[in-house]
Amino acid sequence: MGLSIGTVELNSIASGVAAGDEMLKAADVKLVMAQPVCPGKYVLLVAGDTSSVETAVEAGKRAGRDKVVDSVIIASIDSDVIPAIMRTTAPEQKEAVGVIETFSLASAILAADYAVKSAAIDLIEVRLGRGLGGKAFVIVTGSVSDVTTAAETARRQLRTEGMLLNIEVIPSLHEDMYQSLL
C-alpha cells in the first residue's frame, strides 16, 4: 500500500500549533507541512501509513476542537502530489496548462490527487493558501486532452463538496506565462 496523507486546517494559529503537537505525539507520521496561511489559518499536513495518518488526524481534530475548518485523509496518494505541494517540481512545458482553484486547502490536495490519477499530466504546483485569502490552487500540464480529462475529473469530484471555485484549461500557454508559474 502506498503513502497516505492527512491534513487539518484550523482558523487559529495557536490551536494549529497545539493540534500539530498532538498529531505528532499520537502516531508515527512525518510532518510534511505546518504553517500559517491566509487569512489567519494554520495548516498541518502529515504523511505515513493509513492507520497512523487516521490516528494523527483524529488527534489533531480533537485538539483543535471548534477551530478545525477542514480535514481530509487520502489513502495511497499519488507520489507526485507532495513534491508539487513543496514546489520541488519542474516539468517541461507541454501543450496545455490547467488551473484548478478551490475554496479550501484540503480540496486542492484532493483535486491534485484526482487529476494526476485520471490522466497523463504533470503537476507543476499545489499552492495551499499562501497569499491567497484562504483559497488554494493546482496547476497541471500535459496534452490538451489529458489536461481536460484531469480538470473534468477534479470538477466532478469537487462539485459535490461545493469547494470548487474555478477551472481553466489553456491549450497553448505563452512561454512567459509558463515561466511565471515555475
N, C-alpha and C. Protein backbone atom coordinates (compact mmCIF):
# COMPACT_ATOMS: atom_id res chain seq x y z
N MET A 1 0.85 -1.18 0.00
CA MET A 1 0.00 0.00 0.00
C MET A 1 0.89 1.23 0.00
N GLY A 2 0.46 2.28 -0.68
CA GLY A 2 1.25 3.50 -0.83
C GLY A 2 1.15 4.42 0.36
N LEU A 3 1.78 5.55 0.20
CA LEU A 3 1.80 6.59 1.22
C LEU A 3 0.43 7.23 1.35
N SER A 4 0.03 7.52 2.56
CA SER A 4 -1.21 8.25 2.82
C SER A 4 -0.86 9.59 3.43
N ILE A 5 -1.73 10.58 3.20
CA ILE A 5 -1.54 11.88 3.83
C ILE A 5 -2.82 12.30 4.53
N GLY A 6 -2.65 13.18 5.49
CA GLY A 6 -3.79 13.76 6.18
C GLY A 6 -3.52 15.22 6.44
N THR A 7 -4.56 16.01 6.36
CA THR A 7 -4.41 17.43 6.62
C THR A 7 -5.49 17.90 7.58
N VAL A 8 -5.12 18.83 8.41
CA VAL A 8 -6.07 19.50 9.30
C VAL A 8 -5.84 21.00 9.11
N GLU A 9 -6.92 21.70 8.81
CA GLU A 9 -6.88 23.15 8.60
C GLU A 9 -7.66 23.80 9.73
N LEU A 10 -7.04 24.77 10.40
CA LEU A 10 -7.67 25.42 11.55
C LEU A 10 -7.73 26.92 11.34
N ASN A 11 -8.67 27.58 12.02
CA ASN A 11 -8.79 29.03 11.91
C ASN A 11 -8.08 29.77 13.04
N SER A 12 -7.16 29.09 13.71
CA SER A 12 -6.38 29.68 14.79
C SER A 12 -4.95 29.16 14.71
N ILE A 13 -4.00 30.06 14.72
CA ILE A 13 -2.60 29.64 14.68
C ILE A 13 -2.21 28.94 15.97
N ALA A 14 -2.60 29.48 17.11
CA ALA A 14 -2.27 28.86 18.40
C ALA A 14 -2.84 27.45 18.48
N SER A 15 -4.10 27.29 18.10
CA SER A 15 -4.71 25.96 18.11
C SER A 15 -4.04 25.04 17.09
N GLY A 16 -3.57 25.61 15.99
CA GLY A 16 -2.89 24.82 14.97
C GLY A 16 -1.58 24.24 15.48
N VAL A 17 -0.82 25.04 16.20
CA VAL A 17 0.44 24.55 16.77
C VAL A 17 0.15 23.44 17.78
N ALA A 18 -0.84 23.65 18.64
CA ALA A 18 -1.20 22.64 19.63
C ALA A 18 -1.70 21.36 18.96
N ALA A 19 -2.52 21.51 17.93
CA ALA A 19 -3.04 20.34 17.21
C ALA A 19 -1.91 19.57 16.53
N GLY A 20 -0.97 20.29 15.94
CA GLY A 20 0.17 19.64 15.30
C GLY A 20 0.99 18.83 16.29
N ASP A 21 1.20 19.38 17.47
CA ASP A 21 1.92 18.67 18.51
C ASP A 21 1.21 17.37 18.87
N GLU A 22 -0.10 17.44 19.05
CA GLU A 22 -0.87 16.24 19.39
C GLU A 22 -0.84 15.22 18.26
N MET A 23 -0.90 15.68 17.02
CA MET A 23 -0.86 14.77 15.87
C MET A 23 0.44 13.97 15.86
N LEU A 24 1.55 14.66 16.07
CA LEU A 24 2.86 14.01 16.01
C LEU A 24 3.11 13.10 17.20
N LYS A 25 2.50 13.41 18.34
CA LYS A 25 2.64 12.57 19.53
C LYS A 25 1.72 11.35 19.47
N ALA A 26 0.64 11.44 18.70
CA ALA A 26 -0.36 10.38 18.66
C ALA A 26 0.01 9.23 17.73
N ALA A 27 0.83 9.49 16.72
CA ALA A 27 1.09 8.45 15.72
C ALA A 27 2.45 8.66 15.06
N ASP A 28 2.94 7.59 14.47
CA ASP A 28 4.22 7.63 13.77
C ASP A 28 3.99 8.15 12.34
N VAL A 29 3.96 9.48 12.24
CA VAL A 29 3.76 10.14 10.95
C VAL A 29 4.88 11.15 10.74
N LYS A 30 5.09 11.52 9.48
CA LYS A 30 6.08 12.54 9.14
C LYS A 30 5.35 13.86 8.93
N LEU A 31 5.87 14.91 9.53
CA LEU A 31 5.31 16.24 9.32
C LEU A 31 5.80 16.77 7.98
N VAL A 32 4.88 16.98 7.05
CA VAL A 32 5.20 17.50 5.73
C VAL A 32 5.09 19.02 5.72
N MET A 33 4.07 19.54 6.42
CA MET A 33 3.86 20.98 6.44
C MET A 33 3.14 21.36 7.73
N ALA A 34 3.57 22.46 8.32
CA ALA A 34 2.90 23.07 9.46
C ALA A 34 3.19 24.55 9.36
N GLN A 35 2.19 25.32 8.92
CA GLN A 35 2.45 26.75 8.71
C GLN A 35 1.18 27.56 8.70
N PRO A 36 1.32 28.84 9.04
CA PRO A 36 0.18 29.75 8.91
C PRO A 36 -0.06 30.05 7.44
N VAL A 37 -1.33 30.20 7.09
CA VAL A 37 -1.74 30.58 5.74
C VAL A 37 -2.80 31.65 5.85
N CYS A 38 -3.03 32.35 4.77
CA CYS A 38 -4.04 33.42 4.75
C CYS A 38 -5.43 32.82 4.86
N PRO A 39 -6.39 33.48 5.43
CA PRO A 39 -6.31 34.65 6.29
C PRO A 39 -6.30 34.23 7.76
N GLY A 40 -5.16 34.10 8.34
CA GLY A 40 -5.03 33.75 9.75
C GLY A 40 -5.35 32.31 10.08
N LYS A 41 -5.18 31.41 9.11
CA LYS A 41 -5.41 29.99 9.34
C LYS A 41 -4.07 29.30 9.57
N TYR A 42 -4.15 28.03 9.96
CA TYR A 42 -2.97 27.21 10.14
C TYR A 42 -3.24 25.86 9.50
N VAL A 43 -2.30 25.37 8.71
CA VAL A 43 -2.50 24.10 8.02
C VAL A 43 -1.42 23.11 8.46
N LEU A 44 -1.87 21.88 8.70
CA LEU A 44 -0.99 20.78 9.08
C LEU A 44 -1.15 19.68 8.05
N LEU A 45 -0.04 19.12 7.61
CA LEU A 45 -0.06 18.03 6.63
C LEU A 45 0.93 16.98 7.10
N VAL A 46 0.44 15.75 7.28
CA VAL A 46 1.28 14.65 7.73
C VAL A 46 1.19 13.50 6.73
N ALA A 47 2.22 12.66 6.73
CA ALA A 47 2.26 11.51 5.83
C ALA A 47 2.69 10.27 6.61
N GLY A 48 2.23 9.12 6.14
CA GLY A 48 2.60 7.85 6.75
C GLY A 48 1.68 6.76 6.25
N ASP A 49 1.65 5.65 6.98
CA ASP A 49 0.70 4.60 6.60
C ASP A 49 -0.71 5.06 6.98
N THR A 50 -1.70 4.47 6.36
CA THR A 50 -3.09 4.94 6.51
C THR A 50 -3.55 4.96 7.96
N SER A 51 -3.28 3.91 8.69
CA SER A 51 -3.73 3.83 10.08
C SER A 51 -3.10 4.94 10.93
N SER A 52 -1.82 5.17 10.75
CA SER A 52 -1.14 6.23 11.51
C SER A 52 -1.66 7.61 11.15
N VAL A 53 -1.89 7.84 9.86
CA VAL A 53 -2.42 9.13 9.42
C VAL A 53 -3.82 9.35 9.99
N GLU A 54 -4.66 8.32 9.96
CA GLU A 54 -6.01 8.44 10.54
C GLU A 54 -5.93 8.79 12.02
N THR A 55 -5.06 8.13 12.75
CA THR A 55 -4.89 8.40 14.18
C THR A 55 -4.43 9.83 14.41
N ALA A 56 -3.45 10.27 13.62
CA ALA A 56 -2.92 11.63 13.77
C ALA A 56 -3.97 12.68 13.47
N VAL A 57 -4.73 12.50 12.39
CA VAL A 57 -5.76 13.49 12.02
C VAL A 57 -6.84 13.55 13.09
N GLU A 58 -7.25 12.42 13.60
CA GLU A 58 -8.26 12.42 14.67
C GLU A 58 -7.73 13.15 15.91
N ALA A 59 -6.46 12.93 16.24
CA ALA A 59 -5.86 13.63 17.39
C ALA A 59 -5.82 15.14 17.13
N GLY A 60 -5.49 15.53 15.92
CA GLY A 60 -5.48 16.95 15.57
C GLY A 60 -6.85 17.58 15.64
N LYS A 61 -7.86 16.85 15.19
CA LYS A 61 -9.23 17.37 15.25
C LYS A 61 -9.71 17.49 16.69
N ARG A 62 -9.36 16.51 17.53
CA ARG A 62 -9.73 16.60 18.95
C ARG A 62 -9.05 17.80 19.61
N ALA A 63 -7.77 17.97 19.34
CA ALA A 63 -7.02 19.07 19.95
C ALA A 63 -7.50 20.43 19.42
N GLY A 64 -7.85 20.48 18.15
CA GLY A 64 -8.29 21.74 17.54
C GLY A 64 -9.72 22.12 17.85
N ARG A 65 -10.50 21.14 18.31
CA ARG A 65 -11.90 21.34 18.68
C ARG A 65 -12.66 22.20 17.66
N ASP A 66 -13.24 23.28 18.11
CA ASP A 66 -14.09 24.11 17.25
C ASP A 66 -13.29 25.01 16.32
N LYS A 67 -11.98 24.94 16.37
CA LYS A 67 -11.13 25.75 15.48
C LYS A 67 -10.82 25.02 14.17
N VAL A 68 -11.22 23.75 14.06
CA VAL A 68 -10.97 22.98 12.83
C VAL A 68 -11.94 23.43 11.74
N VAL A 69 -11.37 23.84 10.61
CA VAL A 69 -12.15 24.29 9.46
C VAL A 69 -12.41 23.14 8.50
N ASP A 70 -11.40 22.31 8.27
CA ASP A 70 -11.50 21.23 7.30
C ASP A 70 -10.42 20.20 7.62
N SER A 71 -10.66 18.98 7.18
CA SER A 71 -9.65 17.94 7.29
C SER A 71 -9.92 16.91 6.21
N VAL A 72 -8.87 16.21 5.83
CA VAL A 72 -9.03 15.16 4.83
C VAL A 72 -7.92 14.14 5.01
N ILE A 73 -8.24 12.91 4.68
CA ILE A 73 -7.26 11.83 4.65
C ILE A 73 -7.32 11.24 3.25
N ILE A 74 -6.17 11.11 2.62
CA ILE A 74 -6.11 10.49 1.29
C ILE A 74 -5.20 9.28 1.41
N ALA A 75 -5.81 8.09 1.28
CA ALA A 75 -5.04 6.86 1.31
C ALA A 75 -4.41 6.65 -0.07
N SER A 76 -3.21 6.17 -0.08
CA SER A 76 -2.49 5.89 -1.34
C SER A 76 -2.45 7.09 -2.27
N ILE A 77 -2.00 8.21 -1.76
CA ILE A 77 -1.89 9.42 -2.57
C ILE A 77 -0.83 9.20 -3.65
N ASP A 78 -1.05 9.81 -4.80
CA ASP A 78 -0.07 9.71 -5.88
C ASP A 78 1.24 10.34 -5.44
N SER A 79 2.33 9.73 -5.81
CA SER A 79 3.66 10.18 -5.36
C SER A 79 4.05 11.56 -5.90
N ASP A 80 3.34 12.08 -6.89
CA ASP A 80 3.66 13.41 -7.43
C ASP A 80 3.05 14.56 -6.63
N VAL A 81 2.10 14.27 -5.75
CA VAL A 81 1.37 15.35 -5.08
C VAL A 81 2.24 16.08 -4.04
N ILE A 82 2.93 15.35 -3.19
CA ILE A 82 3.72 16.02 -2.15
C ILE A 82 4.83 16.90 -2.74
N PRO A 83 5.59 16.45 -3.74
CA PRO A 83 6.57 17.37 -4.34
C PRO A 83 5.93 18.63 -4.93
N ALA A 84 4.72 18.51 -5.47
CA ALA A 84 4.04 19.69 -6.01
C ALA A 84 3.63 20.65 -4.89
N ILE A 85 3.25 20.11 -3.74
CA ILE A 85 2.93 20.97 -2.59
C ILE A 85 4.20 21.68 -2.12
N MET A 86 5.32 20.98 -2.14
CA MET A 86 6.58 21.54 -1.66
C MET A 86 7.30 22.38 -2.72
N ARG A 87 6.70 22.49 -3.90
CA ARG A 87 7.25 23.26 -5.03
C ARG A 87 8.63 22.75 -5.44
N THR A 88 8.76 21.44 -5.54
CA THR A 88 10.03 20.86 -5.96
C THR A 88 9.90 20.19 -7.32
N THR A 89 8.90 20.56 -8.10
CA THR A 89 8.73 20.00 -9.43
C THR A 89 9.18 21.02 -10.47
N ALA A 90 9.61 20.54 -11.61
CA ALA A 90 9.98 21.42 -12.72
C ALA A 90 9.72 20.70 -14.04
N PRO A 91 8.46 20.40 -14.31
CA PRO A 91 8.16 19.68 -15.55
C PRO A 91 8.41 20.56 -16.78
N GLU A 92 8.71 19.91 -17.89
CA GLU A 92 8.84 20.64 -19.14
C GLU A 92 7.46 21.09 -19.59
N GLN A 93 7.42 22.22 -20.28
CA GLN A 93 6.14 22.72 -20.76
C GLN A 93 5.57 21.75 -21.78
N LYS A 94 4.31 21.47 -21.64
CA LYS A 94 3.59 20.61 -22.57
C LYS A 94 2.65 21.49 -23.38
N GLU A 95 1.73 20.86 -24.07
CA GLU A 95 0.79 21.61 -24.91
C GLU A 95 -0.11 22.54 -24.12
N ALA A 96 -0.63 22.03 -23.01
CA ALA A 96 -1.68 22.75 -22.29
C ALA A 96 -1.34 22.89 -20.81
N VAL A 97 -2.00 23.87 -20.19
CA VAL A 97 -1.90 24.07 -18.74
C VAL A 97 -3.31 24.15 -18.19
N GLY A 98 -3.53 23.53 -17.05
CA GLY A 98 -4.82 23.61 -16.37
C GLY A 98 -4.63 24.18 -14.98
N VAL A 99 -5.57 25.03 -14.57
CA VAL A 99 -5.55 25.62 -13.24
C VAL A 99 -6.86 25.27 -12.56
N ILE A 100 -6.77 24.63 -11.40
CA ILE A 100 -7.94 24.24 -10.61
C ILE A 100 -7.88 25.05 -9.33
N GLU A 101 -8.88 25.90 -9.10
CA GLU A 101 -8.90 26.81 -7.95
C GLU A 101 -10.00 26.37 -6.99
N THR A 102 -9.65 26.28 -5.70
CA THR A 102 -10.60 25.79 -4.70
C THR A 102 -10.74 26.77 -3.54
N PHE A 103 -11.83 26.59 -2.80
CA PHE A 103 -12.08 27.41 -1.61
C PHE A 103 -11.38 26.88 -0.37
N SER A 104 -10.91 25.63 -0.39
CA SER A 104 -10.23 25.09 0.79
C SER A 104 -8.93 24.42 0.39
N LEU A 105 -8.04 24.34 1.34
CA LEU A 105 -6.73 23.74 1.10
C LEU A 105 -6.86 22.24 0.88
N ALA A 106 -7.67 21.59 1.69
CA ALA A 106 -7.86 20.14 1.56
C ALA A 106 -8.43 19.80 0.19
N SER A 107 -9.33 20.61 -0.32
CA SER A 107 -9.92 20.36 -1.64
C SER A 107 -8.88 20.44 -2.75
N ALA A 108 -7.91 21.32 -2.61
CA ALA A 108 -6.85 21.41 -3.62
C ALA A 108 -5.98 20.15 -3.62
N ILE A 109 -5.70 19.62 -2.44
CA ILE A 109 -4.92 18.39 -2.37
C ILE A 109 -5.70 17.25 -3.02
N LEU A 110 -6.99 17.17 -2.72
CA LEU A 110 -7.83 16.16 -3.36
C LEU A 110 -7.85 16.35 -4.87
N ALA A 111 -8.00 17.59 -5.33
CA ALA A 111 -8.04 17.88 -6.77
C ALA A 111 -6.75 17.42 -7.44
N ALA A 112 -5.61 17.67 -6.81
CA ALA A 112 -4.33 17.25 -7.38
C ALA A 112 -4.27 15.74 -7.50
N ASP A 113 -4.70 15.04 -6.46
CA ASP A 113 -4.68 13.58 -6.49
C ASP A 113 -5.62 13.05 -7.56
N TYR A 114 -6.86 13.59 -7.65
CA TYR A 114 -7.80 13.17 -8.69
C TYR A 114 -7.20 13.41 -10.07
N ALA A 115 -6.61 14.58 -10.27
CA ALA A 115 -6.10 14.97 -11.58
C ALA A 115 -4.97 14.05 -12.03
N VAL A 116 -4.00 13.83 -11.17
CA VAL A 116 -2.83 13.05 -11.58
C VAL A 116 -3.16 11.57 -11.74
N LYS A 117 -4.18 11.09 -11.05
CA LYS A 117 -4.58 9.69 -11.19
C LYS A 117 -5.48 9.46 -12.40
N SER A 118 -6.06 10.53 -12.96
CA SER A 118 -7.03 10.37 -14.05
C SER A 118 -6.44 10.54 -15.44
N ALA A 119 -5.25 11.13 -15.55
CA ALA A 119 -4.69 11.41 -16.87
C ALA A 119 -3.17 11.53 -16.78
N ALA A 120 -2.53 11.45 -17.93
CA ALA A 120 -1.06 11.54 -18.00
C ALA A 120 -0.63 13.00 -17.99
N ILE A 121 -0.75 13.62 -16.82
CA ILE A 121 -0.38 15.03 -16.66
C ILE A 121 0.77 15.12 -15.66
N ASP A 122 1.43 16.27 -15.66
CA ASP A 122 2.44 16.57 -14.65
C ASP A 122 1.90 17.67 -13.75
N LEU A 123 2.10 17.52 -12.46
CA LEU A 123 1.75 18.59 -11.53
C LEU A 123 2.88 19.61 -11.51
N ILE A 124 2.52 20.87 -11.67
CA ILE A 124 3.50 21.95 -11.55
C ILE A 124 3.53 22.43 -10.11
N GLU A 125 2.35 22.67 -9.54
CA GLU A 125 2.29 23.20 -8.18
C GLU A 125 0.93 22.92 -7.56
N VAL A 126 0.94 22.72 -6.25
CA VAL A 126 -0.26 22.74 -5.43
C VAL A 126 -0.01 23.84 -4.40
N ARG A 127 -0.65 24.99 -4.58
CA ARG A 127 -0.43 26.14 -3.68
C ARG A 127 -1.53 26.14 -2.63
N LEU A 128 -1.13 26.10 -1.38
CA LEU A 128 -2.07 25.99 -0.27
C LEU A 128 -2.13 27.27 0.55
N GLY A 129 -2.96 28.19 0.14
CA GLY A 129 -3.32 29.33 0.97
C GLY A 129 -2.32 30.44 1.16
N ARG A 130 -1.09 30.29 0.73
CA ARG A 130 -0.09 31.33 0.94
C ARG A 130 -0.39 32.51 0.02
N GLY A 131 -0.83 33.62 0.62
CA GLY A 131 -1.13 34.82 -0.15
C GLY A 131 -2.39 34.73 -0.98
N LEU A 132 -3.30 33.85 -0.60
CA LEU A 132 -4.49 33.59 -1.42
C LEU A 132 -5.80 33.82 -0.69
N GLY A 133 -5.78 34.42 0.46
CA GLY A 133 -7.02 34.67 1.18
C GLY A 133 -7.75 33.40 1.57
N GLY A 134 -7.01 32.34 1.84
CA GLY A 134 -7.63 31.09 2.27
C GLY A 134 -7.96 30.13 1.15
N LYS A 135 -7.78 30.56 -0.09
CA LYS A 135 -8.04 29.67 -1.23
C LYS A 135 -6.78 28.86 -1.54
N ALA A 136 -6.90 27.97 -2.51
CA ALA A 136 -5.77 27.16 -2.95
C ALA A 136 -5.94 26.88 -4.44
N PHE A 137 -4.85 26.44 -5.07
CA PHE A 137 -4.97 26.07 -6.48
C PHE A 137 -3.96 25.00 -6.85
N VAL A 138 -4.26 24.34 -7.97
CA VAL A 138 -3.43 23.29 -8.53
C VAL A 138 -3.13 23.68 -9.97
N ILE A 139 -1.88 23.53 -10.40
CA ILE A 139 -1.52 23.78 -11.79
C ILE A 139 -0.95 22.49 -12.37
N VAL A 140 -1.49 22.09 -13.52
CA VAL A 140 -1.06 20.87 -14.20
C VAL A 140 -0.67 21.19 -15.63
N THR A 141 0.12 20.31 -16.24
CA THR A 141 0.48 20.46 -17.64
C THR A 141 0.47 19.09 -18.31
N GLY A 142 0.22 19.11 -19.61
CA GLY A 142 0.17 17.88 -20.40
C GLY A 142 -0.46 18.17 -21.74
N SER A 143 -0.87 17.12 -22.42
CA SER A 143 -1.58 17.32 -23.68
C SER A 143 -2.93 17.97 -23.39
N VAL A 144 -3.50 18.60 -24.40
CA VAL A 144 -4.80 19.25 -24.22
C VAL A 144 -5.83 18.24 -23.72
N SER A 145 -5.86 17.06 -24.33
CA SER A 145 -6.87 16.07 -23.92
C SER A 145 -6.63 15.58 -22.49
N ASP A 146 -5.38 15.36 -22.11
CA ASP A 146 -5.10 14.90 -20.75
C ASP A 146 -5.39 15.98 -19.70
N VAL A 147 -5.02 17.21 -19.99
CA VAL A 147 -5.31 18.31 -19.05
C VAL A 147 -6.82 18.49 -18.92
N THR A 148 -7.54 18.38 -20.03
CA THR A 148 -9.00 18.49 -19.99
C THR A 148 -9.60 17.36 -19.16
N THR A 149 -9.12 16.14 -19.37
CA THR A 149 -9.61 14.99 -18.58
C THR A 149 -9.33 15.20 -17.10
N ALA A 150 -8.12 15.63 -16.76
CA ALA A 150 -7.76 15.86 -15.36
C ALA A 150 -8.64 16.93 -14.73
N ALA A 151 -8.85 18.02 -15.47
CA ALA A 151 -9.68 19.12 -14.97
C ALA A 151 -11.13 18.68 -14.77
N GLU A 152 -11.66 17.95 -15.73
CA GLU A 152 -13.05 17.49 -15.62
C GLU A 152 -13.23 16.48 -14.49
N THR A 153 -12.23 15.63 -14.28
CA THR A 153 -12.30 14.68 -13.17
C THR A 153 -12.32 15.44 -11.84
N ALA A 154 -11.45 16.41 -11.70
CA ALA A 154 -11.44 17.22 -10.47
C ALA A 154 -12.76 17.96 -10.31
N ARG A 155 -13.30 18.50 -11.40
CA ARG A 155 -14.59 19.20 -11.34
C ARG A 155 -15.70 18.28 -10.83
N ARG A 156 -15.79 17.08 -11.40
CA ARG A 156 -16.83 16.13 -10.98
C ARG A 156 -16.69 15.76 -9.51
N GLN A 157 -15.47 15.50 -9.08
CA GLN A 157 -15.25 15.07 -7.71
C GLN A 157 -15.49 16.18 -6.69
N LEU A 158 -15.10 17.41 -7.03
CA LEU A 158 -15.20 18.51 -6.06
C LEU A 158 -16.54 19.22 -6.09
N ARG A 159 -17.28 19.08 -7.18
CA ARG A 159 -18.56 19.79 -7.30
C ARG A 159 -19.50 19.42 -6.16
N THR A 160 -19.52 18.17 -5.76
CA THR A 160 -20.44 17.74 -4.70
C THR A 160 -20.09 18.35 -3.35
N GLU A 161 -18.81 18.69 -3.16
CA GLU A 161 -18.38 19.28 -1.89
C GLU A 161 -18.61 20.78 -1.84
N GLY A 162 -18.86 21.40 -2.98
CA GLY A 162 -19.07 22.85 -3.04
C GLY A 162 -17.81 23.66 -2.80
N MET A 163 -16.64 23.06 -2.93
CA MET A 163 -15.39 23.76 -2.65
C MET A 163 -14.62 24.16 -3.91
N LEU A 164 -15.18 23.90 -5.08
CA LEU A 164 -14.53 24.27 -6.33
C LEU A 164 -14.89 25.70 -6.68
N LEU A 165 -13.89 26.53 -6.93
CA LEU A 165 -14.12 27.91 -7.32
C LEU A 165 -14.12 28.07 -8.84
N ASN A 166 -13.07 27.57 -9.50
CA ASN A 166 -12.98 27.74 -10.94
C ASN A 166 -11.95 26.78 -11.52
N ILE A 167 -12.12 26.47 -12.80
CA ILE A 167 -11.14 25.67 -13.54
C ILE A 167 -10.95 26.32 -14.90
N GLU A 168 -9.69 26.44 -15.30
CA GLU A 168 -9.36 26.94 -16.64
C GLU A 168 -8.37 25.97 -17.28
N VAL A 169 -8.62 25.64 -18.54
CA VAL A 169 -7.68 24.87 -19.35
C VAL A 169 -7.21 25.80 -20.46
N ILE A 170 -5.91 26.03 -20.51
CA ILE A 170 -5.33 26.91 -21.52
C ILE A 170 -4.56 26.02 -22.50
N PRO A 171 -5.06 25.89 -23.74
CA PRO A 171 -4.47 24.95 -24.69
C PRO A 171 -3.02 25.23 -25.06
N SER A 172 -2.63 26.49 -25.13
CA SER A 172 -1.26 26.82 -25.54
C SER A 172 -0.80 28.06 -24.77
N LEU A 173 -0.34 27.86 -23.55
CA LEU A 173 0.06 28.97 -22.69
C LEU A 173 1.34 29.61 -23.22
N HIS A 174 1.37 30.93 -23.24
CA HIS A 174 2.56 31.66 -23.69
C HIS A 174 3.74 31.27 -22.81
N GLU A 175 4.92 31.12 -23.40
CA GLU A 175 6.13 30.71 -22.68
C GLU A 175 6.42 31.59 -21.47
N ASP A 176 6.24 32.91 -21.60
CA ASP A 176 6.50 33.80 -20.47
C ASP A 176 5.54 33.53 -19.31
N MET A 177 4.28 33.26 -19.62
CA MET A 177 3.32 32.90 -18.57
C MET A 177 3.70 31.58 -17.93
N TYR A 178 4.13 30.62 -18.76
CA TYR A 178 4.54 29.33 -18.22
C TYR A 178 5.71 29.50 -17.24
N GLN A 179 6.69 30.28 -17.62
CA GLN A 179 7.85 30.51 -16.76
C GLN A 179 7.45 31.19 -15.45
N SER A 180 6.41 32.02 -15.50
CA SER A 180 5.96 32.69 -14.27
C SER A 180 5.34 31.71 -13.28
N LEU A 181 4.92 30.55 -13.77
CA LEU A 181 4.32 29.54 -12.90
C LEU A 181 5.36 28.69 -12.18
N LEU A 182 6.57 28.70 -12.67
CA LEU A 182 7.62 27.84 -12.10
C LEU A 182 8.30 28.47 -10.91
